[in-house]
Amino acid sequence: MTLILLAIFLGLVEGVTEFLPISSTGHLVLLIDLLGFEAPPGKTFEIVIQLGAILAICVLYRHRLIRAALGFFSDRNERNFVLAILAGFLPAMVVGAIAYPLIRRLLDEPIVVAIALVLGGIAIIIIERHTERRKTPPVETVTPMTGFKIGVFQIIAMIPGVSRSGATIMGALLMGVERKTAAEFSFFLAIPTMLGASAYSILRNWDTLSFDGSTLIAVGFVAAFIAALLVVRWAIAFIVRHGFIPFAWYRILLGLVILAFLLIR
């Protein structure tokens, strides 16, 4: 029962943090280490519960996704939208298939997460303060080439603590995309990215998954879905009003606290 409760808690953390630029993976790495959570092998739990958060995006934006699917062959804007998302997914798909397991083995440590949180927070502050404010265009205006360039930034998020959403949003800002549009594009880009990562992880660890492990993944998945469902709309409204700097200071503070803890323990 204790493991089930921990899985629910970690799922809630995933759902809250997945679409904010504060690194859901970083939070999970730290909490799993701190709480001594016996997760299923191969990081399957951490990766697959992210699907719960992705499902929330599919539910919240279901009309937008259906419109894109139905209009792909007949509507230029819808086709541009889909191609931009696929182009953004391409870099992570290629690099992830080749180097992701090695990167995670080498860098999946609390001290790496802490440093990445601090450096990422500093980067967000610099980018936010030096990015020109623009009117909010629809997400369909992101071109496939811009989507590909944003996807290159997503590769950086393979380092735990960097934040997938943070890397893609900041990359979009550097490409001249407005804040709200950058956040929404990051949400949509998460769909193929996390589906691919989850499928890859399940296939690699299929033989080691047990019934107990599947139960933990299931309850974490549901908790992440509910949390993300509640947080995403709030996140967009908060970003439009306050920008990303509050998240940057949170990252820096959390990273420094973790570093201090690691030094004194």
Protein backbone atom coordinates (compact mmCIF):
# COMPACT_ATOMS: atom_id res chain seq x y z
CA MET A 1 0.00 0.00 0.00
CA THR A 2 2.87 2.37 0.76
CA LEU A 3 4.22 1.88 -2.75
CA ILE A 4 0.78 2.59 -4.23
CA LEU A 5 0.51 5.85 -2.28
CA LEU A 6 3.99 6.86 -3.37
CA ALA A 7 3.09 6.05 -6.97
CA ILE A 8 0.00 8.27 -6.71
CA PHE A 9 2.05 11.09 -5.20
CA LEU A 10 4.71 10.83 -7.89
CA GLY A 11 2.01 10.74 -10.56
CA LEU A 12 0.53 13.95 -9.18
CA VAL A 13 3.98 15.56 -9.22
CA GLU A 14 4.44 14.47 -12.84
CA GLY A 15 1.09 15.88 -13.88
CA VAL A 16 1.75 19.22 -12.22
CA THR A 17 5.30 19.64 -13.51
CA GLU A 18 5.25 18.10 -17.01
CA PHE A 19 4.10 21.21 -18.85
CA LEU A 20 5.84 23.77 -16.67
CA PRO A 21 9.50 24.68 -17.39
CA ILE A 22 10.70 23.18 -14.10
CA SER A 23 11.58 19.62 -15.22
CA SER A 24 9.17 16.83 -14.37
CA THR A 25 11.94 14.26 -14.86
CA GLY A 26 14.20 16.18 -12.50
CA HIS A 27 11.52 16.21 -9.82
CA LEU A 28 10.90 12.49 -10.24
CA VAL A 29 14.62 11.63 -10.11
CA LEU A 30 15.02 13.58 -6.88
CA LEU A 31 11.85 12.36 -5.19
CA ILE A 32 12.39 8.71 -6.10
CA ASP A 33 15.89 8.94 -4.62
CA LEU A 34 14.73 10.83 -1.53
CA LEU A 35 11.69 8.64 -0.82
CA GLY A 36 13.41 5.38 -1.66
CA PHE A 37 10.63 4.46 -4.08
CA GLU A 38 11.16 1.00 -5.60
CA ALA A 39 10.12 1.86 -9.14
CA PRO A 40 9.84 -0.72 -11.93
CA PRO A 41 13.20 -1.23 -13.69
CA GLY A 42 14.51 0.69 -16.64
CA LYS A 43 12.91 4.04 -15.73
CA THR A 44 9.68 2.68 -17.18
CA PHE A 45 7.55 4.14 -14.38
CA GLU A 46 8.98 7.64 -14.79
CA ILE A 47 8.54 7.62 -18.55
CA VAL A 48 5.16 5.94 -18.87
CA ILE A 49 3.33 7.99 -16.25
CA GLN A 50 4.16 10.98 -18.43
CA LEU A 51 1.61 9.49 -20.83
CA GLY A 52 -1.04 10.37 -18.27
CA ALA A 53 -0.10 14.01 -18.60
CA ILE A 54 0.00 13.68 -22.41
CA LEU A 55 -3.49 12.16 -22.39
CA ALA A 56 -4.69 15.25 -20.53
CA ILE A 57 -3.40 17.41 -23.40
CA CYS A 58 -5.22 15.18 -25.90
CA VAL A 59 -8.45 15.57 -23.93
CA LEU A 60 -8.15 19.32 -23.38
CA TYR A 61 -7.20 20.04 -27.00
CA ARG A 62 -9.22 17.23 -28.60
CA HIS A 63 -11.14 19.55 -30.91
CA ARG A 64 -7.90 21.13 -32.13
CA LEU A 65 -6.32 17.74 -32.76
CA ILE A 66 -9.39 16.40 -34.56
CA ARG A 67 -9.48 19.50 -36.75
CA ALA A 68 -5.81 18.99 -37.66
CA ALA A 69 -6.37 15.32 -38.53
CA LEU A 70 -9.45 16.00 -40.67
CA GLY A 71 -7.97 19.02 -42.41
CA PHE A 72 -4.46 17.74 -43.11
CA PHE A 73 -5.07 17.10 -46.82
CA SER A 74 -7.50 19.95 -47.46
CA ASP A 75 -6.40 22.87 -45.28
CA ARG A 76 -2.98 24.48 -45.65
CA ASN A 77 -2.93 25.81 -42.07
CA GLU A 78 -3.79 22.41 -40.60
CA ARG A 79 -1.15 20.71 -42.74
CA ASN A 80 1.43 23.29 -41.65
CA PHE A 81 0.51 22.68 -38.01
CA VAL A 82 0.94 18.90 -38.26
CA LEU A 83 4.18 19.12 -40.24
CA ALA A 84 5.65 21.61 -37.74
CA ILE A 85 4.93 19.20 -34.87
CA LEU A 86 6.43 16.25 -36.77
CA ALA A 87 9.49 18.31 -37.72
CA GLY A 88 9.94 19.27 -34.07
CA PHE A 89 9.75 15.62 -33.04
CA LEU A 90 12.35 14.45 -35.57
CA PRO A 91 15.58 15.56 -33.77
CA ALA A 92 14.59 13.95 -30.48
CA MET A 93 13.52 10.76 -32.25
CA VAL A 94 16.85 10.36 -34.05
CA VAL A 95 19.17 11.40 -31.22
CA GLY A 96 17.08 9.68 -28.58
CA ALA A 97 17.18 6.32 -30.35
CA ILE A 98 20.97 6.53 -30.62
CA ALA A 99 22.15 8.24 -27.45
CA TYR A 100 19.32 8.45 -24.90
CA PRO A 101 20.18 5.30 -22.87
CA LEU A 102 23.82 6.39 -22.57
CA ILE A 103 22.88 9.95 -21.60
CA ARG A 104 20.52 8.75 -18.88
CA ARG A 105 23.05 6.28 -17.43
CA LEU A 106 25.73 8.95 -17.24
CA LEU A 107 23.64 11.88 -16.08
CA ASP A 108 20.67 10.53 -14.12
CA GLU A 109 22.05 11.71 -10.77
CA PRO A 110 20.67 14.22 -8.21
CA ILE A 111 23.70 16.52 -8.50
CA VAL A 112 23.26 16.71 -12.29
CA VAL A 113 19.58 17.52 -11.82
CA ALA A 114 20.40 20.26 -9.31
CA ILE A 115 22.98 21.90 -11.57
CA ALA A 116 20.66 21.68 -14.57
CA LEU A 117 17.85 23.29 -12.57
CA VAL A 118 20.05 26.25 -11.61
CA LEU A 119 21.59 26.77 -15.04
CA GLY A 120 18.21 26.35 -16.73
CA GLY A 121 16.68 28.94 -14.42
CA ILE A 122 19.43 31.43 -15.26
CA ALA A 123 18.93 30.75 -18.97
CA ILE A 124 15.18 31.38 -18.69
CA ILE A 125 15.75 34.73 -16.98
CA ILE A 126 18.24 35.84 -19.63
CA ILE A 127 16.04 34.75 -22.54
CA GLU A 128 12.88 36.24 -21.05
CA ARG A 129 14.49 39.62 -20.40
CA HIS A 130 16.06 39.86 -23.85
CA THR A 131 13.15 38.56 -25.92
CA GLU A 132 10.98 41.08 -27.72
CA ARG A 133 7.29 40.96 -26.77
CA ARG A 134 5.06 40.13 -29.73
CA LYS A 135 1.37 39.81 -30.40
CA THR A 136 -0.01 36.30 -29.98
CA PRO A 137 -0.30 34.52 -33.35
CA PRO A 138 -2.11 31.18 -33.66
CA VAL A 139 0.03 28.09 -33.18
CA GLU A 140 -0.57 27.21 -36.85
CA THR A 141 1.83 30.01 -37.84
CA VAL A 142 4.84 28.02 -36.57
CA THR A 143 6.48 26.77 -39.76
CA PRO A 144 7.96 23.26 -40.15
CA MET A 145 11.47 24.75 -40.27
CA THR A 146 10.88 26.68 -37.05
CA GLY A 147 9.38 23.52 -35.54
CA PHE A 148 12.52 21.58 -36.47
CA LYS A 149 14.76 24.20 -34.85
CA ILE A 150 12.65 24.10 -31.69
CA GLY A 151 13.00 20.30 -31.77
CA VAL A 152 16.78 20.65 -31.71
CA PHE A 153 16.45 22.46 -28.38
CA GLN A 154 14.34 19.56 -27.12
CA ILE A 155 17.40 17.31 -27.37
CA ILE A 156 18.95 19.25 -24.48
CA ALA A 157 16.09 18.05 -22.29
CA MET A 158 17.52 14.52 -22.35
CA ILE A 159 19.69 15.79 -19.49
CA PRO A 160 17.57 15.33 -16.34
CA GLY A 161 16.70 18.66 -14.77
CA VAL A 162 16.73 20.67 -18.00
CA SER A 163 12.96 20.29 -18.65
CA ARG A 164 11.51 19.26 -21.98
CA SER A 165 8.89 22.00 -21.90
CA GLY A 166 11.45 24.54 -20.71
CA ALA A 167 13.90 23.71 -23.50
CA THR A 168 11.27 23.80 -26.23
CA ILE A 169 9.59 26.97 -24.95
CA MET A 170 12.88 28.85 -24.59
CA GLY A 171 13.96 27.57 -28.00
CA ALA A 172 10.70 28.84 -29.46
CA LEU A 173 11.22 32.26 -27.87
CA LEU A 174 14.69 32.43 -29.40
CA MET A 175 13.11 31.58 -32.77
CA GLY A 176 10.80 34.60 -32.41
CA VAL A 177 7.66 32.74 -31.29
CA GLU A 178 5.40 34.55 -28.80
CA ARG A 179 5.13 33.19 -25.22
CA LYS A 180 1.60 31.73 -25.31
CA THR A 181 2.13 30.22 -28.75
CA ALA A 182 5.50 28.81 -27.62
CA ALA A 183 3.87 27.14 -24.63
CA GLU A 184 1.05 25.66 -26.71
CA PHE A 185 3.47 24.39 -29.35
CA SER A 186 5.48 22.74 -26.57
CA PHE A 187 2.31 21.03 -25.33
CA PHE A 188 1.51 19.61 -28.77
CA LEU A 189 5.13 18.61 -29.40
CA ALA A 190 5.03 16.59 -26.18
CA ILE A 191 2.44 14.23 -27.69
CA PRO A 192 4.62 12.41 -30.27
CA THR A 193 7.76 12.86 -28.14
CA MET A 194 6.40 11.17 -25.04
CA LEU A 195 4.47 8.55 -26.98
CA GLY A 196 7.71 7.57 -28.69
CA ALA A 197 9.72 7.59 -25.45
CA SER A 198 7.12 5.51 -23.63
CA ALA A 199 6.84 2.92 -26.40
CA TYR A 200 10.63 2.66 -26.58
CA SER A 201 10.95 2.19 -22.82
CA ILE A 202 8.21 -0.45 -22.64
CA LEU A 203 9.74 -2.47 -25.47
CA ARG A 204 13.21 -2.33 -23.92
CA ASN A 205 11.95 -3.43 -20.51
CA TRP A 206 9.06 -5.72 -21.45
CA ASP A 207 10.65 -8.86 -19.97
CA THR A 208 11.28 -7.19 -16.61
CA LEU A 209 7.78 -5.78 -16.09
CA SER A 210 5.81 -7.59 -13.40
CA PHE A 211 2.16 -7.37 -12.30
CA ASP A 212 3.16 -5.24 -9.32
CA GLY A 213 5.15 -2.94 -11.53
CA SER A 214 2.22 -2.58 -13.92
CA THR A 215 -0.06 -1.63 -11.04
CA LEU A 216 2.28 1.11 -9.88
CA ILE A 217 2.52 2.45 -13.43
CA ALA A 218 -1.28 2.39 -13.79
CA VAL A 219 -2.04 4.37 -10.62
CA GLY A 220 0.76 6.84 -11.39
CA PHE A 221 -0.65 7.25 -14.90
CA VAL A 222 -4.14 8.10 -13.61
CA ALA A 223 -2.79 10.52 -11.00
CA ALA A 224 -0.68 12.29 -13.62
CA PHE A 225 -3.67 12.56 -15.97
CA ILE A 226 -5.89 14.17 -13.32
CA ALA A 227 -3.20 16.59 -12.15
CA ALA A 228 -2.29 17.70 -15.68
CA LEU A 229 -5.96 18.10 -16.58
CA LEU A 230 -6.29 20.61 -13.74
CA VAL A 231 -2.98 22.42 -14.28
CA VAL A 232 -2.65 23.01 -18.04
CA ARG A 233 -5.33 25.70 -18.42
CA TRP A 234 -4.02 27.49 -15.34
CA ALA A 235 -0.48 27.30 -16.70
CA ILE A 236 -1.40 29.08 -19.95
CA ALA A 237 -3.21 31.86 -18.09
CA PHE A 238 -0.30 32.26 -15.65
CA ILE A 239 2.30 32.38 -18.43
CA VAL A 240 0.34 35.02 -20.36
CA ARG A 241 0.11 37.20 -17.24
CA HIS A 242 3.47 36.61 -15.54
CA GLY A 243 5.80 35.02 -18.11
CA PHE A 244 8.36 32.36 -17.23
CA ILE A 245 10.59 34.19 -14.74
CA PRO A 246 8.69 32.94 -11.63
CA PHE A 247 9.46 29.39 -12.76
CA ALA A 248 13.10 30.35 -13.29
CA TRP A 249 13.47 31.55 -9.69
CA TYR A 250 11.77 28.38 -8.46
CA ARG A 251 14.28 26.28 -10.42
CA ILE A 252 17.24 28.21 -9.06
CA LEU A 253 16.02 28.01 -5.46
CA LEU A 254 15.23 24.30 -5.69
CA GLY A 255 18.57 23.55 -7.35
CA LEU A 256 20.52 25.44 -4.69
CA VAL A 257 18.63 23.70 -1.87
CA ILE A 258 19.41 20.32 -3.43
CA LEU A 259 23.07 21.19 -3.88
CA ALA A 260 23.29 22.30 -0.25
CA PHE A 261 21.61 19.09 0.89
CA LEU A 262 23.99 16.94 -1.18
CA LEU A 263 27.02 18.74 0.22
CA ILE A 264 26.05 18.34 3.88
CA ARG A 265 24.56 14.84 3.92
